Amino acid sequence: MHLRIARKVVDTHLQLAHMKTMIHCVCNNINTQKLDTAAACGARKPACVLRHHGKKFNCGQCVSSIQDRLNTLNAIENASLLQAAE
């Protein structure tokens, strides 16, 4: 008996396109692209992201998702600054 291992090919371009449309706040239709735009304008907290788009929290389920994305963007920004300083 031969075991066949199937490898799943990951299309990173498709995944990146999906990430831009990932919804972080269902109540206010805030996706990754809108979140990134708010972060680029200086938003560092979830409330600032919603305020940037003229929205307010409804159920609050999005807070952790938005904060995780902001933390990721902040880490990327800090890494870029460190590389530029070297």
Foldseek 3Di string as FASTA:
>chain_A
DDDDDDDDDDDVVVVVVVQQCDALAPVVSQGPVLLVVQVVVPDQAPQSSQVVVPHGDDPPPSRVVSNVSSVVVVVVVVVVVVVVVD
